C-alpha atoms as a PDB file:
ATOM      1  CA  UNK A   1      99.209  93.523 115.977  1.00  0.00           C
ATOM      2  CA  UNK A   2      98.411  95.370 119.174  1.00  0.00           C
ATOM      3  CA  UNK A   3      95.230  97.388 118.858  1.00  0.00           C
ATOM      4  CA  UNK A   4      95.350 101.036 119.917  1.00  0.00           C
ATOM      5  CA  UNK A   5      99.162 101.041 119.804  1.00  0.00           C
ATOM      6  CA  UNK A   6     100.823 103.510 117.437  1.00  0.00           C
ATOM      7  CA  UNK A   7     104.469 104.185 116.762  1.00  0.00           C
ATOM      8  CA  UNK A   8     105.357 107.693 115.562  1.00  0.00           C
ATOM      9  CA  UNK A   9     108.706 108.695 114.067  1.00  0.00           C
ATOM     10  CA  UNK A  10     109.352 112.410 113.621  1.00  0.00           C
ATOM     11  CA  UNK A  11     112.239 113.267 111.281  1.00  0.00           C
ATOM     12  CA  UNK A  12     113.186 116.867 112.046  1.00  0.00           C
ATOM     13  CA  UNK A  13     115.559 119.117 110.116  1.00  0.00           C
ATOM     14  CA  UNK A  14     118.426 120.309 112.295  1.00  0.00           C
ATOM     15  CA  UNK A  15     120.419 122.159 109.647  1.00  0.00           C
ATOM     16  CA  UNK A  16     121.739 125.648 110.242  1.00  0.00           C
ATOM     17  CA  UNK A  17     118.956 127.247 108.238  1.00  0.00           C
ATOM     18  CA  UNK A  18     116.539 126.166 110.975  1.00  0.00           C
ATOM     19  CA  UNK A  19     118.355 128.330 113.560  1.00  0.00           C
ATOM     20  CA  UNK A  20     116.247 131.451 112.884  1.00  0.00           C
ATOM     21  CA  UNK A  21     113.167 129.268 113.357  1.00  0.00           C
ATOM     22  CA  UNK A  22     114.377 127.882 116.692  1.00  0.00           C
ATOM     23  CA  UNK A  23     111.757 129.255 119.076  1.00  0.00           C
ATOM     24  CA  UNK A  24     108.828 128.699 116.720  1.00  0.00           C
ATOM     25  CA  UNK A  25     109.997 125.152 115.982  1.00  0.00           C
ATOM     26  CA  UNK A  26     110.275 124.351 119.684  1.00  0.00           C
ATOM     27  CA  UNK A  27     106.856 125.845 120.437  1.00  0.00           C
ATOM     28  CA  UNK A  28     105.189 124.140 117.498  1.00  0.00           C
ATOM     29  CA  UNK A  29     106.783 120.766 118.155  1.00  0.00           C
ATOM     30  CA  UNK A  30     105.693 120.858 121.804  1.00  0.00           C
ATOM     31  CA  UNK A  31     102.129 121.636 120.726  1.00  0.00           C
ATOM     32  CA  UNK A  32     102.271 118.578 118.461  1.00  0.00           C
ATOM     33  CA  UNK A  33     103.698 116.500 121.309  1.00  0.00           C
ATOM     34  CA  UNK A  34     101.002 117.636 123.739  1.00  0.00           C
ATOM     35  CA  UNK A  35      98.284 116.488 121.323  1.00  0.00           C
ATOM     36  CA  UNK A  36      99.842 113.026 121.182  1.00  0.00           C
ATOM     37  CA  UNK A  37     100.140 112.757 124.943  1.00  0.00           C
ATOM     38  CA  UNK A  38      96.479 113.660 125.340  1.00  0.00           C
ATOM     39  CA  UNK A  39      95.239 111.301 122.611  1.00  0.00           C
ATOM     40  CA  UNK A  40      93.725 107.980 123.688  1.00  0.00           C
ATOM     41  CA  UNK A  41      95.654 104.782 123.158  1.00  0.00           C
ATOM     42  CA  UNK A  42      99.225 103.648 123.592  1.00  0.00           C
ATOM     43  CA  UNK A  43     102.028 105.233 121.598  1.00  0.00           C
ATOM     44  CA  UNK A  44     105.789 105.165 121.330  1.00  0.00           C
ATOM     45  CA  UNK A  45     107.804 107.978 119.820  1.00  0.00           C
ATOM     46  CA  UNK A  46     111.110 108.348 117.995  1.00  0.00           C
ATOM     47  CA  UNK A  47     112.703 111.708 117.215  1.00  0.00           C
ATOM     48  CA  UNK A  48     115.424 111.668 114.567  1.00  0.00           C
ATOM     49  CA  UNK A  49     117.185 114.946 113.832  1.00  0.00           C
ATOM     50  CA  UNK A  50     119.251 115.343 110.700  1.00  0.00           C
ATOM     51  CA  UNK A  51     122.042 117.588 109.403  1.00  0.00           C
ATOM     52  CA  UNK A  52     125.109 116.003 110.897  1.00  0.00           C
ATOM     53  CA  UNK A  53     128.283 115.746 108.870  1.00  0.00           C
ATOM     54  CA  UNK A  54     129.522 112.329 110.036  1.00  0.00           C
ATOM     55  CA  UNK A  55     126.170 110.695 110.725  1.00  0.00           C
ATOM     56  CA  UNK A  56     123.072 112.082 108.972  1.00  0.00           C
ATOM     57  CA  UNK A  57     120.777 111.199 111.865  1.00  0.00           C
ATOM     58  CA  UNK A  58     120.933 111.965 115.550  1.00  0.00           C
ATOM     59  CA  UNK A  59     118.487 109.725 117.430  1.00  0.00           C
ATOM     60  CA  UNK A  60     117.100 111.892 120.222  1.00  0.00           C
ATOM     61  CA  UNK A  61     114.336 109.511 121.329  1.00  0.00           C
ATOM     62  CA  UNK A  62     113.997 105.859 120.339  1.00  0.00           C
ATOM     63  CA  UNK A  63     110.626 104.136 120.842  1.00  0.00           C
ATOM     64  CA  UNK A  64     110.037 106.122 124.021  1.00  0.00           C
ATOM     65  CA  UNK A  65     106.621 105.955 125.693  1.00  0.00           C
ATOM     66  CA  UNK A  66     104.842 109.070 124.419  1.00  0.00           C
ATOM     67  CA  UNK A  67     103.908 110.057 127.970  1.00  0.00           C
ATOM     68  CA  UNK A  68     107.608 110.184 128.904  1.00  0.00           C
ATOM     69  CA  UNK A  69     108.866 112.218 125.947  1.00  0.00           C
ATOM     70  CA  UNK A  70     110.302 115.523 127.231  1.00  0.00           C
ATOM     71  CA  UNK A  71     109.478 118.794 125.563  1.00  0.00           C
ATOM     72  CA  UNK A  72     111.818 120.089 122.901  1.00  0.00           C
ATOM     73  CA  UNK A  73     114.122 122.849 124.167  1.00  0.00           C
ATOM     74  CA  UNK A  74     117.420 124.524 123.364  1.00  0.00           C
ATOM     75  CA  UNK A  75     119.349 121.680 124.977  1.00  0.00           C
ATOM     76  CA  UNK A  76     117.935 118.863 122.849  1.00  0.00           C
ATOM     77  CA  UNK A  77     117.372 120.902 119.690  1.00  0.00           C
ATOM     78  CA  UNK A  78     120.317 122.976 118.477  1.00  0.00           C
ATOM     79  CA  UNK A  79     120.130 123.531 114.706  1.00  0.00           C
ATOM     80  CA  UNK A  80     123.673 124.032 113.446  1.00  0.00           C
ATOM     81  CA  UNK A  81     124.357 121.441 110.768  1.00  0.00           C
ATOM     82  CA  UNK A  82     125.762 122.675 107.503  1.00  0.00           C
ATOM     83  CA  UNK A  83     123.890 120.377 105.143  1.00  0.00           C
ATOM     84  CA  UNK A  84     120.523 118.714 104.484  1.00  0.00           C
ATOM     85  CA  UNK A  85     120.934 114.931 104.068  1.00  0.00           C
ATOM     86  CA  UNK A  86     117.177 114.449 103.824  1.00  0.00           C
ATOM     87  CA  UNK A  87     117.209 111.182 101.869  1.00  0.00           C
ATOM     88  CA  UNK A  88     119.776 109.568 104.152  1.00  0.00           C
ATOM     89  CA  UNK A  89     117.737 110.619 107.178  1.00  0.00           C
ATOM     90  CA  UNK A  90     114.559 109.076 105.777  1.00  0.00           C
ATOM     91  CA  UNK A  91     116.271 105.891 104.604  1.00  0.00           C
ATOM     92  CA  UNK A  92     118.131 105.347 107.855  1.00  0.00           C
ATOM     93  CA  UNK A  93     114.996 106.022 109.908  1.00  0.00           C
ATOM     94  CA  UNK A  94     112.910 103.535 107.923  1.00  0.00           C
ATOM     95  CA  UNK A  95     115.553 100.834 108.321  1.00  0.00           C
ATOM     96  CA  UNK A  96     115.955 101.473 112.054  1.00  0.00           C
ATOM     97  CA  UNK A  97     112.218 101.393 112.754  1.00  0.00           C
ATOM     98  CA  UNK A  98     111.795  98.292 110.608  1.00  0.00           C
ATOM     99  CA  UNK A  99     114.586  96.480 112.435  1.00  0.00           C
ATOM    100  CA  UNK A 100     113.105  97.422 115.781  1.00  0.00           C
ATOM    101  CA  UNK A 101     109.652  96.150 114.810  1.00  0.00           C
ATOM    102  CA  UNK A 102     111.090  92.910 113.408  1.00  0.00           C
ATOM    103  CA  UNK A 103     112.331  92.043 116.892  1.00  0.00           C
ATOM    104  CA  UNK A 104     108.886  92.367 118.436  1.00  0.00           C
ATOM    105  CA  UNK A 105     106.443  89.486 118.686  1.00  0.00           C
ATOM    106  CA  UNK A 106     103.484  89.948 116.346  1.00  0.00           C
ATOM    107  CA  UNK A 107     101.183  90.484 119.320  1.00  0.00           C
ATOM    108  CA  UNK A 108     103.363  93.372 120.514  1.00  0.00           C
ATOM    109  CA  UNK A 109     103.719  95.226 117.219  1.00  0.00           C
ATOM    110  CA  UNK A 110     101.897  98.537 116.726  1.00  0.00           C
ATOM    111  CA  UNK A 111      98.784  98.464 114.596  1.00  0.00           C
ATOM    112  CA  UNK A 112      99.761 101.862 113.157  1.00  0.00           C
ATOM    113  CA  UNK A 113     103.143 103.266 112.143  1.00  0.00           C
ATOM    114  CA  UNK A 114     103.398 106.945 111.234  1.00  0.00           C
ATOM    115  CA  UNK A 115     106.275 109.046 109.908  1.00  0.00           C
ATOM    116  CA  UNK A 116     106.302 112.845 109.944  1.00  0.00           C
ATOM    117  CA  UNK A 117     109.120 114.497 107.979  1.00  0.00           C
ATOM    118  CA  UNK A 118     109.771 118.234 108.338  1.00  0.00           C
ATOM    119  CA  UNK A 119     112.399 120.327 106.563  1.00  0.00           C
ATOM    120  CA  UNK A 120     112.911 123.918 105.502  1.00  0.00           C
ATOM    121  CA  UNK A 121     115.216 123.095 102.611  1.00  0.00           C
ATOM    122  CA  UNK A 122     116.123 120.774  99.785  1.00  0.00           C
ATOM    123  CA  UNK A 123     118.168 117.597  99.889  1.00  0.00           C
ATOM    124  CA  UNK A 124     121.802 118.440  99.211  1.00  0.00           C
ATOM    125  CA  UNK A 125     124.190 115.992 100.825  1.00  0.00           C
ATOM    126  CA  UNK A 126     122.943 112.383 101.094  1.00  0.00           C
ATOM    127  CA  UNK A 127     125.551 109.719 100.360  1.00  0.00           C
ATOM    128  CA  UNK A 128     123.805 106.401 100.999  1.00  0.00           C
ATOM    129  CA  UNK A 129     120.279 106.807  99.612  1.00  0.00           C
ATOM    130  CA  UNK A 130     119.002 108.394  96.410  1.00  0.00           C
ATOM    131  CA  UNK A 131     115.475 109.493  95.569  1.00  0.00           C
ATOM    132  CA  UNK A 132     114.666 106.331  93.618  1.00  0.00           C
ATOM    133  CA  UNK A 133     115.618 104.138  96.575  1.00  0.00           C
ATOM    134  CA  UNK A 134     113.556 106.199  99.017  1.00  0.00           C
ATOM    135  CA  UNK A 135     110.601 106.029  96.618  1.00  0.00           C
ATOM    136  CA  UNK A 136     110.942 102.244  96.556  1.00  0.00           C
ATOM    137  CA  UNK A 137     111.231 102.003 100.353  1.00  0.00           C
ATOM    138  CA  UNK A 138     108.271 104.254 101.137  1.00  0.00           C
ATOM    139  CA  UNK A 139     106.109 102.528  98.550  1.00  0.00           C
ATOM    140  CA  UNK A 140     106.979  99.116 100.011  1.00  0.00           C
ATOM    141  CA  UNK A 141     106.312 100.104 103.622  1.00  0.00           C
ATOM    142  CA  UNK A 142     103.069 101.835 102.668  1.00  0.00           C
ATOM    143  CA  UNK A 143     101.673  99.049 100.487  1.00  0.00           C
ATOM    144  CA  UNK A 144     102.894  96.000 102.412  1.00  0.00           C
ATOM    145  CA  UNK A 145     102.772  97.225 106.011  1.00  0.00           C
ATOM    146  CA  UNK A 146     100.338 100.178 105.794  1.00  0.00           C
ATOM    147  CA  UNK A 147     102.818 102.678 107.194  1.00  0.00           C
ATOM    148  CA  UNK A 148     101.655 106.279 106.802  1.00  0.00           C
ATOM    149  CA  UNK A 149     103.949 109.149 105.766  1.00  0.00           C
ATOM    150  CA  UNK A 150     103.478 112.926 106.043  1.00  0.00           C
ATOM    151  CA  UNK A 151     105.871 115.386 104.421  1.00  0.00           C
ATOM    152  CA  UNK A 152     106.098 119.042 105.463  1.00  0.00           C
ATOM    153  CA  UNK A 153     108.376 121.343 103.497  1.00  0.00           C
ATOM    154  CA  UNK A 154     109.194 125.056 103.463  1.00  0.00           C
ATOM    155  CA  UNK A 155     110.893 127.001 100.680  1.00  0.00           C
ATOM    156  CA  UNK A 156     109.976 124.366  98.087  1.00  0.00           C
ATOM    157  CA  UNK A 157     107.095 122.651  96.314  1.00  0.00           C
ATOM    158  CA  UNK A 158     106.467 120.139  99.085  1.00  0.00           C
ATOM    159  CA  UNK A 159     103.814 118.273  97.112  1.00  0.00           C
ATOM    160  CA  UNK A 160     106.211 117.624  94.221  1.00  0.00           C
ATOM    161  CA  UNK A 161     109.103 116.737  96.524  1.00  0.00           C
ATOM    162  CA  UNK A 162     106.921 114.388  98.554  1.00  0.00           C
ATOM    163  CA  UNK A 163     105.502 112.739  95.446  1.00  0.00           C
ATOM    164  CA  UNK A 164     109.015 112.064  94.137  1.00  0.00           C
ATOM    165  CA  UNK A 165     109.634 110.104  97.338  1.00  0.00           C
ATOM    166  CA  UNK A 166     106.390 108.152  97.167  1.00  0.00           C
ATOM    167  CA  UNK A 167     104.354 110.274  99.578  1.00  0.00           C
ATOM    168  CA  UNK A 168     100.811 111.045  98.435  1.00  0.00           C
ATOM    169  CA  UNK A 169     100.109 114.666  97.435  1.00  0.00           C
ATOM    170  CA  UNK A 170      97.274 114.691  99.962  1.00  0.00           C
ATOM    171  CA  UNK A 171      99.810 113.955 102.718  1.00  0.00           C
ATOM    172  CA  UNK A 172     102.378 116.601 101.721  1.00  0.00           C
ATOM    173  CA  UNK A 173     102.073 120.269 102.620  1.00  0.00           C
ATOM    174  CA  UNK A 174     104.016 123.491 102.219  1.00  0.00           C
ATOM    175  CA  UNK A 175     104.457 125.684 105.265  1.00  0.00           C
ATOM    176  CA  UNK A 176     105.627 129.233 105.827  1.00  0.00           C
ATOM    177  CA  UNK A 177     108.574 129.735 108.164  1.00  0.00           C
ATOM    178  CA  UNK A 178     106.655 132.510 109.932  1.00  0.00           C
ATOM    179  CA  UNK A 179     105.503 132.033 113.512  1.00  0.00           C
ATOM    180  CA  UNK A 180     101.893 131.760 112.338  1.00  0.00           C
ATOM    181  CA  UNK A 181     102.718 129.297 109.562  1.00  0.00           C
ATOM    182  CA  UNK A 182     104.687 126.990 111.809  1.00  0.00           C
ATOM    183  CA  UNK A 183     102.175 127.152 114.632  1.00  0.00           C
ATOM    184  CA  UNK A 184      99.335 126.229 112.297  1.00  0.00           C
ATOM    185  CA  UNK A 185     101.329 123.410 110.705  1.00  0.00           C
ATOM    186  CA  UNK A 186     102.300 121.692 113.950  1.00  0.00           C
ATOM    187  CA  UNK A 187      98.812 122.133 115.399  1.00  0.00           C
ATOM    188  CA  UNK A 188      97.195 120.677 112.282  1.00  0.00           C
ATOM    189  CA  UNK A 189      99.487 117.662 112.111  1.00  0.00           C
ATOM    190  CA  UNK A 190      99.167 117.010 115.825  1.00  0.00           C
ATOM    191  CA  UNK A 191      95.377 116.958 115.568  1.00  0.00           C
ATOM    192  CA  UNK A 192      95.442 114.728 112.493  1.00  0.00           C
ATOM    193  CA  UNK A 193      97.636 112.113 114.115  1.00  0.00           C
ATOM    194  CA  UNK A 194      95.576 112.139 117.292  1.00  0.00           C
ATOM    195  CA  UNK A 195      92.404 111.690 115.241  1.00  0.00           C
ATOM    196  CA  UNK A 196      93.846 108.844 113.185  1.00  0.00           C
ATOM    197  CA  UNK A 197      95.025 107.040 116.296  1.00  0.00           C
ATOM    198  CA  UNK A 198      91.503 107.038 117.726  1.00  0.00           C
ATOM    199  CA  UNK A 199      89.429 106.523 114.561  1.00  0.00           C
ATOM    200  CA  UNK A 200      91.586 104.224 112.388  1.00  0.00           C
ATOM    201  CA  UNK A 201      90.425 106.336 109.434  1.00  0.00           C
ATOM    202  CA  UNK A 202      93.535 107.143 107.390  1.00  0.00           C
ATOM    203  CA  UNK A 203      91.647 109.736 105.338  1.00  0.00           C
ATOM    204  CA  UNK A 204      91.860 112.125 108.313  1.00  0.00           C
ATOM    205  CA  UNK A 205      95.565 112.463 107.500  1.00  0.00           C
ATOM    206  CA  UNK A 206      94.769 114.188 104.198  1.00  0.00           C
ATOM    207  CA  UNK A 207      95.310 117.940 104.251  1.00  0.00           C
ATOM    208  CA  UNK A 208      92.383 120.211 103.434  1.00  0.00           C
ATOM    209  CA  UNK A 209      92.643 123.422 101.426  1.00  0.00           C
ATOM    210  CA  UNK A 210      91.875 125.424 104.553  1.00  0.00           C
ATOM    211  CA  UNK A 211      94.731 123.739 106.405  1.00  0.00           C
ATOM    212  CA  UNK A 212      97.090 124.400 103.499  1.00  0.00           C
ATOM    213  CA  UNK A 213      96.130 128.084 103.489  1.00  0.00           C
ATOM    214  CA  UNK A 214      96.701 128.449 107.225  1.00  0.00           C
ATOM    215  CA  UNK A 215     100.092 126.722 106.999  1.00  0.00           C
ATOM    216  CA  UNK A 216     101.220 129.476 104.648  1.00  0.00           C
ATOM    217  CA  UNK A 217     100.132 132.281 106.970  1.00  0.00           C
ATOM    218  CA  UNK A 218     102.505 135.177 107.478  1.00  0.00           C
END
């Protein structure tokens, strides 16, 4: 493993229901991205957007040097999909990252692998993966390879939804779709990932009650 090298995959909802949240999503995501660019250590970044009818995942960035990742804008983020294939997006992303890492020499592999999943709605259209399979996959990657997963959900019980997929309740958080709620959520997650990358202390990824309260701000 390569010390101080982290790979981050962000799985971002691109369904039509995210359209009213466009500007706040872009602003929040770019705040998150800025925190990663300023954090010490090497990092690569993948951005997978989901809500596409033919293919559940659109790969926007694939293992791109974090310093070279462009800001999100209305050209590379256009929420308009009619469905939420959340499970397919997670399953496909895990497989793609795993395949990519398998091709690297052990000395070149990241010492940390992080997934951030954000959606404003419930799964409603996956065809390849079911919840039981995603639970199995996340559990395997977490226990065998120490991958870390964060789940952020609006308009749902994110803790229950995350737990059903194998993500620890401490790593799942509800957020309000308000400007304040989204801003707080992206800022919090950006700081947590930056801290984990520099400290190697996975407990910093756990959400506090104060952070949960701020994420629900109106």
